[in-house]
Amino acid sequence: MIKLHGFALSNYYNKVKFVLLEYGIAFEEVVDRLPLDAALLAHSPAGKVPFLETEHGFLCESAVIVEYLNARFPERGIFPADPWQAAKERELIAFVETHLELEARELYSAAFFGGKVSDEIKATAQERLRRYIASFSRLAKFAPYVAGERFGVADAAVFVSLPLVAMTTQRIYDEDYVAAAGIDWKSYMKRVGERPAAQRVIADRKAWIEANS
């Protein structure tokens, strides 16, 4: 059986977990904390989670893992069969993870963990986040799902990452830049959160936080 390594606080771990649950792929969870020890670094060389354990070996990077699952279980329809629609899902995933979440991640230490970041980093991130959140608002449909009428794999990525971006800007700049761009992300979260897979991800994350606080 496939084993998913990581922990429930990680949004990228939760993205892969959401996909596994949503598309009915059997898996086992293995809790691995950061920093990874030397043995685990052989399986996730950058020391990040999640990583996937299969009968063929280990695979890291959440985007690569999702692509592997799509190729291994084509009958599950993780990506649409239509090449254009599949590409649009990938476009949304790349955008929210590369331009939004990765930029906001520079501020997580100060936003969530009591750390500090320099004014220079804050200013640079602010400029980029404003620009790219506005760009994302033009790309995403939210009608009612991020790519349109159909729930898709892009929703798994947006569901676990977009709220972090919104909360980060609220805490660092005293303004929710996602809402300010006209994205009603809270209603979107409620809508996607009604899905059983999303409810499981949320519940497990909450339980992990309570157990480790």
C-alpha atoms as a PDB file:
ATOM      1  CA  MET A   1       0.000   0.000   0.000  1.00  0.00           C
ATOM      2  CA  ILE A   2       1.093   3.579  -0.676  1.00  0.00           C
ATOM      3  CA  LYS A   3       2.409   5.372   2.397  1.00  0.00           C
ATOM      4  CA  LEU A   4       2.217   9.135   2.795  1.00  0.00           C
ATOM      5  CA  HIS A   5       4.989  10.539   4.962  1.00  0.00           C
ATOM      6  CA  GLY A   6       4.768  13.864   6.773  1.00  0.00           C
ATOM      7  CA  PHE A   7       2.464  15.524   9.272  1.00  0.00           C
ATOM      8  CA  ALA A   8      -0.929  17.198   9.263  1.00  0.00           C
ATOM      9  CA  LEU A   9       0.283  20.763   9.834  1.00  0.00           C
ATOM     10  CA  SER A  10       1.911  20.886   6.391  1.00  0.00           C
ATOM     11  CA  ASN A  11      -0.334  22.323   3.698  1.00  0.00           C
ATOM     12  CA  TYR A  12       1.501  20.392   0.978  1.00  0.00           C
ATOM     13  CA  TYR A  13       1.084  17.170   2.933  1.00  0.00           C
ATOM     14  CA  ASN A  14      -2.601  18.004   3.247  1.00  0.00           C
ATOM     15  CA  LYS A  15      -2.887  18.680  -0.476  1.00  0.00           C
ATOM     16  CA  VAL A  16      -1.670  15.188  -1.321  1.00  0.00           C
ATOM     17  CA  LYS A  17      -3.791  13.695   1.449  1.00  0.00           C
ATOM     18  CA  PHE A  18      -6.857  15.524   0.117  1.00  0.00           C
ATOM     19  CA  VAL A  19      -6.221  14.084  -3.349  1.00  0.00           C
ATOM     20  CA  LEU A  20      -5.771  10.545  -2.011  1.00  0.00           C
ATOM     21  CA  LEU A  21      -8.984  10.776   0.001  1.00  0.00           C
ATOM     22  CA  GLU A  22     -11.049  12.586  -2.627  1.00  0.00           C
ATOM     23  CA  TYR A  23     -10.203  10.130  -5.391  1.00  0.00           C
ATOM     24  CA  GLY A  24     -10.479   6.988  -3.295  1.00  0.00           C
ATOM     25  CA  ILE A  25      -6.849   5.853  -3.353  1.00  0.00           C
ATOM     26  CA  ALA A  26      -5.937   3.617  -0.422  1.00  0.00           C
ATOM     27  CA  PHE A  27      -2.968   4.812   1.605  1.00  0.00           C
ATOM     28  CA  GLU A  28      -1.348   4.705   5.003  1.00  0.00           C
ATOM     29  CA  GLU A  29      -0.087   7.738   6.885  1.00  0.00           C
ATOM     30  CA  VAL A  30       3.386   7.747   8.413  1.00  0.00           C
ATOM     31  CA  VAL A  31       4.152  10.629  10.757  1.00  0.00           C
ATOM     32  CA  ASP A  32       7.634  12.015  10.128  1.00  0.00           C
ATOM     33  CA  ARG A  33       8.650  15.217  11.876  1.00  0.00           C
ATOM     34  CA  LEU A  34      11.057  17.897  10.778  1.00  0.00           C
ATOM     35  CA  PRO A  35      13.971  17.989  10.689  1.00  0.00           C
ATOM     36  CA  LEU A  36      14.186  14.616   8.988  1.00  0.00           C
ATOM     37  CA  ASP A  37      16.918  12.315  10.224  1.00  0.00           C
ATOM     38  CA  ALA A  38      19.738  11.100   8.008  1.00  0.00           C
ATOM     39  CA  ALA A  39      17.907   7.935   6.973  1.00  0.00           C
ATOM     40  CA  LEU A  40      14.825   9.865   5.830  1.00  0.00           C
ATOM     41  CA  LEU A  41      16.935  12.401   3.953  1.00  0.00           C
ATOM     42  CA  ALA A  42      17.758   9.570   1.589  1.00  0.00           C
ATOM     43  CA  HIS A  43      14.072   9.548   0.645  1.00  0.00           C
ATOM     44  CA  SER A  44      13.399  13.304   0.746  1.00  0.00           C
ATOM     45  CA  PRO A  45      16.775  14.896  -0.058  1.00  0.00           C
ATOM     46  CA  ALA A  46      15.630  18.481   0.607  1.00  0.00           C
ATOM     47  CA  GLY A  47      14.332  17.468   4.021  1.00  0.00           C
ATOM     48  CA  LYS A  48      10.744  18.399   3.195  1.00  0.00           C
ATOM     49  CA  VAL A  49       7.359  16.740   3.557  1.00  0.00           C
ATOM     50  CA  PRO A  50       5.389  15.175   2.106  1.00  0.00           C
ATOM     51  CA  PHE A  51       7.064  12.267   0.448  1.00  0.00           C
ATOM     52  CA  LEU A  52       5.482   9.101  -0.837  1.00  0.00           C
ATOM     53  CA  GLU A  53       6.561   5.518  -0.264  1.00  0.00           C
ATOM     54  CA  THR A  54       5.596   3.024  -2.962  1.00  0.00           C
ATOM     55  CA  GLU A  55       6.599  -0.508  -3.889  1.00  0.00           C
ATOM     56  CA  HIS A  56       9.063   1.042  -6.331  1.00  0.00           C
ATOM     57  CA  GLY A  57      10.685   3.402  -3.849  1.00  0.00           C
ATOM     58  CA  PHE A  58      10.227   6.935  -2.567  1.00  0.00           C
ATOM     59  CA  LEU A  59       9.003  10.075  -4.305  1.00  0.00           C
ATOM     60  CA  CYS A  60       9.171  13.659  -3.036  1.00  0.00           C
ATOM     61  CA  GLU A  61       7.638  17.020  -4.056  1.00  0.00           C
ATOM     62  CA  SER A  62       3.863  17.292  -3.803  1.00  0.00           C
ATOM     63  CA  ALA A  63       3.351  18.327  -7.438  1.00  0.00           C
ATOM     64  CA  VAL A  64       5.312  15.313  -8.654  1.00  0.00           C
ATOM     65  CA  ILE A  65       3.416  13.038  -6.277  1.00  0.00           C
ATOM     66  CA  VAL A  66       0.055  14.224  -7.623  1.00  0.00           C
ATOM     67  CA  GLU A  67       1.222  13.696 -11.196  1.00  0.00           C
ATOM     68  CA  TYR A  68       2.369  10.194 -10.274  1.00  0.00           C
ATOM     69  CA  LEU A  69      -0.993   9.393  -8.721  1.00  0.00           C
ATOM     70  CA  ASN A  70      -2.758  10.689 -11.827  1.00  0.00           C
ATOM     71  CA  ALA A  71      -0.619   8.481 -14.076  1.00  0.00           C
ATOM     72  CA  ARG A  72      -0.827   5.422 -11.846  1.00  0.00           C
ATOM     73  CA  PHE A  73      -4.591   5.628 -11.288  1.00  0.00           C
ATOM     74  CA  PRO A  74      -5.960   7.047 -14.559  1.00  0.00           C
ATOM     75  CA  GLU A  75      -9.391   5.612 -13.851  1.00  0.00           C
ATOM     76  CA  ARG A  76      -9.755   7.967 -10.879  1.00  0.00           C
ATOM     77  CA  GLY A  77      -9.900  11.061 -13.078  1.00  0.00           C
ATOM     78  CA  ILE A  78      -7.655  13.207 -10.898  1.00  0.00           C
ATOM     79  CA  PHE A  79      -7.043  15.504 -13.866  1.00  0.00           C
ATOM     80  CA  PRO A  80      -9.735  15.970 -16.533  1.00  0.00           C
ATOM     81  CA  ALA A  81      -9.457  13.819 -19.646  1.00  0.00           C
ATOM     82  CA  ASP A  82      -9.661  16.921 -21.827  1.00  0.00           C
ATOM     83  CA  PRO A  83      -6.080  18.223 -22.331  1.00  0.00           C
ATOM     84  CA  TRP A  84      -7.121  21.874 -22.166  1.00  0.00           C
ATOM     85  CA  GLN A  85      -9.083  21.500 -18.944  1.00  0.00           C
ATOM     86  CA  ALA A  86      -6.260  19.470 -17.410  1.00  0.00           C
ATOM     87  CA  ALA A  87      -3.796  22.198 -18.359  1.00  0.00           C
ATOM     88  CA  LYS A  88      -6.008  24.850 -16.770  1.00  0.00           C
ATOM     89  CA  GLU A  89      -6.054  22.849 -13.521  1.00  0.00           C
ATOM     90  CA  ARG A  90      -2.257  22.638 -13.606  1.00  0.00           C
ATOM     91  CA  GLU A  91      -2.043  26.355 -14.337  1.00  0.00           C
ATOM     92  CA  LEU A  92      -4.060  27.191 -11.242  1.00  0.00           C
ATOM     93  CA  ILE A  93      -2.003  24.866  -9.061  1.00  0.00           C
ATOM     94  CA  ALA A  94       1.267  26.319 -10.300  1.00  0.00           C
ATOM     95  CA  PHE A  95      -0.003  29.857  -9.799  1.00  0.00           C
ATOM     96  CA  VAL A  96      -1.281  29.488  -6.247  1.00  0.00           C
ATOM     97  CA  GLU A  97       1.752  27.523  -5.106  1.00  0.00           C
ATOM     98  CA  THR A  98       4.518  29.404  -6.918  1.00  0.00           C
ATOM     99  CA  HIS A  99       3.298  32.997  -6.904  1.00  0.00           C
ATOM    100  CA  LEU A 100       1.121  33.124  -3.784  1.00  0.00           C
ATOM    101  CA  GLU A 101       2.013  30.507  -1.189  1.00  0.00           C
ATOM    102  CA  LEU A 102       5.743  30.468  -1.830  1.00  0.00           C
ATOM    103  CA  GLU A 103       5.868  34.251  -1.538  1.00  0.00           C
ATOM    104  CA  ALA A 104       3.783  34.291   1.635  1.00  0.00           C
ATOM    105  CA  ARG A 105       5.960  31.523   3.110  1.00  0.00           C
ATOM    106  CA  GLU A 106       8.754  34.083   3.539  1.00  0.00           C
ATOM    107  CA  LEU A 107       6.545  35.682   6.194  1.00  0.00           C
ATOM    108  CA  TYR A 108       5.249  32.604   8.037  1.00  0.00           C
ATOM    109  CA  SER A 109       7.842  32.835  10.789  1.00  0.00           C
ATOM    110  CA  ALA A 110       6.563  36.253  11.827  1.00  0.00           C
ATOM    111  CA  ALA A 111       2.912  35.579  11.025  1.00  0.00           C
ATOM    112  CA  PHE A 112       2.470  32.284  12.860  1.00  0.00           C
ATOM    113  CA  PHE A 113       5.490  31.305  14.920  1.00  0.00           C
ATOM    114  CA  GLY A 114       6.601  34.412  16.786  1.00  0.00           C
ATOM    115  CA  GLY A 115       9.665  34.977  14.629  1.00  0.00           C
ATOM    116  CA  LYS A 116      10.893  38.073  12.860  1.00  0.00           C
ATOM    117  CA  VAL A 117      11.510  39.028   9.245  1.00  0.00           C
ATOM    118  CA  SER A 118      13.238  42.134   8.007  1.00  0.00           C
ATOM    119  CA  ASP A 119      11.384  45.193   6.755  1.00  0.00           C
ATOM    120  CA  GLU A 120      13.049  44.629   3.393  1.00  0.00           C
ATOM    121  CA  ILE A 121      11.576  41.140   3.083  1.00  0.00           C
ATOM    122  CA  LYS A 122       8.170  42.446   4.164  1.00  0.00           C
ATOM    123  CA  ALA A 123       8.243  45.206   1.572  1.00  0.00           C
ATOM    124  CA  THR A 124       9.355  42.918  -1.252  1.00  0.00           C
ATOM    125  CA  ALA A 125       6.770  40.276  -0.372  1.00  0.00           C
ATOM    126  CA  GLN A 126       4.065  42.916  -0.073  1.00  0.00           C
ATOM    127  CA  GLU A 127       4.623  44.196  -3.581  1.00  0.00           C
ATOM    128  CA  ARG A 128       4.654  40.724  -5.095  1.00  0.00           C
ATOM    129  CA  LEU A 129       1.686  39.431  -3.119  1.00  0.00           C
ATOM    130  CA  ARG A 130      -0.472  42.386  -4.110  1.00  0.00           C
ATOM    131  CA  ARG A 131       0.416  41.914  -7.771  1.00  0.00           C
ATOM    132  CA  TYR A 132       0.011  38.157  -7.886  1.00  0.00           C
ATOM    133  CA  ILE A 133      -3.144  37.973  -5.795  1.00  0.00           C
ATOM    134  CA  ALA A 134      -4.725  40.440  -8.206  1.00  0.00           C
ATOM    135  CA  SER A 135      -3.497  38.274 -11.085  1.00  0.00           C
ATOM    136  CA  PHE A 136      -4.908  35.147  -9.454  1.00  0.00           C
ATOM    137  CA  SER A 137      -8.281  36.838  -9.047  1.00  0.00           C
ATOM    138  CA  ARG A 138      -8.368  37.267 -12.824  1.00  0.00           C
ATOM    139  CA  LEU A 139      -7.357  33.668 -13.492  1.00  0.00           C
ATOM    140  CA  ALA A 140      -9.502  31.773 -10.996  1.00  0.00           C
ATOM    141  CA  LYS A 141     -13.233  31.428 -11.590  1.00  0.00           C
ATOM    142  CA  PHE A 142     -14.722  30.356  -8.230  1.00  0.00           C
ATOM    143  CA  ALA A 143     -17.898  29.425 -10.112  1.00  0.00           C
ATOM    144  CA  PRO A 144     -18.335  27.746  -7.707  1.00  0.00           C
ATOM    145  CA  TYR A 145     -14.956  25.945  -7.791  1.00  0.00           C
ATOM    146  CA  VAL A 146     -11.638  27.453  -8.642  1.00  0.00           C
ATOM    147  CA  ALA A 147     -11.623  26.241 -12.271  1.00  0.00           C
ATOM    148  CA  GLY A 148     -15.360  26.523 -12.825  1.00  0.00           C
ATOM    149  CA  GLU A 149     -18.377  24.316 -12.219  1.00  0.00           C
ATOM    150  CA  ARG A 150     -16.456  21.094 -11.573  1.00  0.00           C
ATOM    151  CA  PHE A 151     -14.504  20.309  -8.439  1.00  0.00           C
ATOM    152  CA  GLY A 152     -10.959  19.491  -9.495  1.00  0.00           C
ATOM    153  CA  VAL A 153      -7.523  18.731  -8.206  1.00  0.00           C
ATOM    154  CA  ALA A 154      -6.715  22.456  -8.273  1.00  0.00           C
ATOM    155  CA  ASP A 155      -9.240  22.885  -5.485  1.00  0.00           C
ATOM    156  CA  ALA A 156      -7.190  20.597  -3.263  1.00  0.00           C
ATOM    157  CA  ALA A 157      -4.197  22.900  -3.741  1.00  0.00           C
ATOM    158  CA  VAL A 158      -6.137  26.132  -3.309  1.00  0.00           C
ATOM    159  CA  PHE A 159      -8.050  24.825  -0.283  1.00  0.00           C
ATOM    160  CA  VAL A 160      -4.906  24.163   1.747  1.00  0.00           C
ATOM    161  CA  SER A 161      -2.846  27.186   0.661  1.00  0.00           C
ATOM    162  CA  LEU A 162      -5.033  30.213  -0.108  1.00  0.00           C
ATOM    163  CA  PRO A 163      -6.199  30.725   3.510  1.00  0.00           C
ATOM    164  CA  LEU A 164      -2.566  30.803   4.641  1.00  0.00           C
ATOM    165  CA  VAL A 165      -1.895  33.613   2.182  1.00  0.00           C
ATOM    166  CA  ALA A 166      -4.930  35.569   3.395  1.00  0.00           C
ATOM    167  CA  MET A 167      -4.114  35.094   7.082  1.00  0.00           C
ATOM    168  CA  THR A 168      -0.473  35.997   6.529  1.00  0.00           C
ATOM    169  CA  THR A 169      -1.254  39.315   4.881  1.00  0.00           C
ATOM    170  CA  GLN A 170      -3.796  40.084   7.590  1.00  0.00           C
ATOM    171  CA  ARG A 171      -1.250  39.484  10.329  1.00  0.00           C
ATOM    172  CA  ILE A 172       1.728  41.150   8.671  1.00  0.00           C
ATOM    173  CA  TYR A 173       0.075  44.058   6.832  1.00  0.00           C
ATOM    174  CA  ASP A 174      -3.222  44.372   8.748  1.00  0.00           C
ATOM    175  CA  GLU A 175      -5.180  43.660   5.578  1.00  0.00           C
ATOM    176  CA  ASP A 176      -6.500  40.503   3.985  1.00  0.00           C
ATOM    177  CA  TYR A 177      -5.142  40.966   0.474  1.00  0.00           C
ATOM    178  CA  VAL A 178      -7.088  37.988  -0.859  1.00  0.00           C
ATOM    179  CA  ALA A 179     -10.436  39.412   0.223  1.00  0.00           C
ATOM    180  CA  ALA A 180      -9.339  42.883  -0.895  1.00  0.00           C
ATOM    181  CA  ALA A 181      -8.819  41.470  -4.398  1.00  0.00           C
ATOM    182  CA  GLY A 182     -12.477  40.488  -4.485  1.00  0.00           C
ATOM    183  CA  ILE A 183     -12.032  36.793  -3.661  1.00  0.00           C
ATOM    184  CA  ASP A 184     -14.617  35.531  -1.177  1.00  0.00           C
ATOM    185  CA  TRP A 185     -12.265  32.836   0.050  1.00  0.00           C
ATOM    186  CA  LYS A 186     -14.152  32.158   3.276  1.00  0.00           C
ATOM    187  CA  SER A 187     -17.299  31.151   1.390  1.00  0.00           C
ATOM    188  CA  TYR A 188     -15.148  29.063  -0.930  1.00  0.00           C
ATOM    189  CA  MET A 189     -13.543  27.318   2.036  1.00  0.00           C
ATOM    190  CA  LYS A 190     -16.956  26.575   3.491  1.00  0.00           C
ATOM    191  CA  ARG A 191     -18.158  25.153   0.180  1.00  0.00           C
ATOM    192  CA  VAL A 192     -15.143  22.899  -0.390  1.00  0.00           C
ATOM    193  CA  GLY A 193     -15.054  22.085   3.312  1.00  0.00           C
ATOM    194  CA  GLU A 194     -18.376  20.293   2.989  1.00  0.00           C
ATOM    195  CA  ARG A 195     -16.662  17.494   1.083  1.00  0.00           C
ATOM    196  CA  PRO A 196     -15.839  14.447   3.246  1.00  0.00           C
ATOM    197  CA  ALA A 197     -12.195  14.462   2.153  1.00  0.00           C
ATOM    198  CA  ALA A 198     -11.823  18.115   3.158  1.00  0.00           C
ATOM    199  CA  GLN A 199     -13.511  17.474   6.480  1.00  0.00           C
ATOM    200  CA  ARG A 200     -11.053  14.667   7.206  1.00  0.00           C
ATOM    201  CA  VAL A 201      -8.085  16.887   6.347  1.00  0.00           C
ATOM    202  CA  ILE A 202      -9.376  19.709   8.565  1.00  0.00           C
ATOM    203  CA  ALA A 203     -10.166  17.389  11.484  1.00  0.00           C
ATOM    204  CA  ASP A 204      -6.779  15.685  11.354  1.00  0.00           C
ATOM    205  CA  ARG A 205      -4.973  19.023  11.173  1.00  0.00           C
ATOM    206  CA  LYS A 206      -6.896  20.296  14.177  1.00  0.00           C
ATOM    207  CA  ALA A 207      -6.148  17.127  16.123  1.00  0.00           C
ATOM    208  CA  TRP A 208      -2.440  17.418  15.288  1.00  0.00           C
ATOM    209  CA  ILE A 209      -2.324  21.021  16.484  1.00  0.00           C
ATOM    210  CA  GLU A 210      -4.107  20.165  19.731  1.00  0.00           C
ATOM    211  CA  ALA A 211      -1.803  17.217  20.373  1.00  0.00           C
ATOM    212  CA  ASN A 212       1.345  19.247  19.702  1.00  0.00           C
ATOM    213  CA  SER A 213       0.464  22.567  21.316  1.00  0.00           C
END
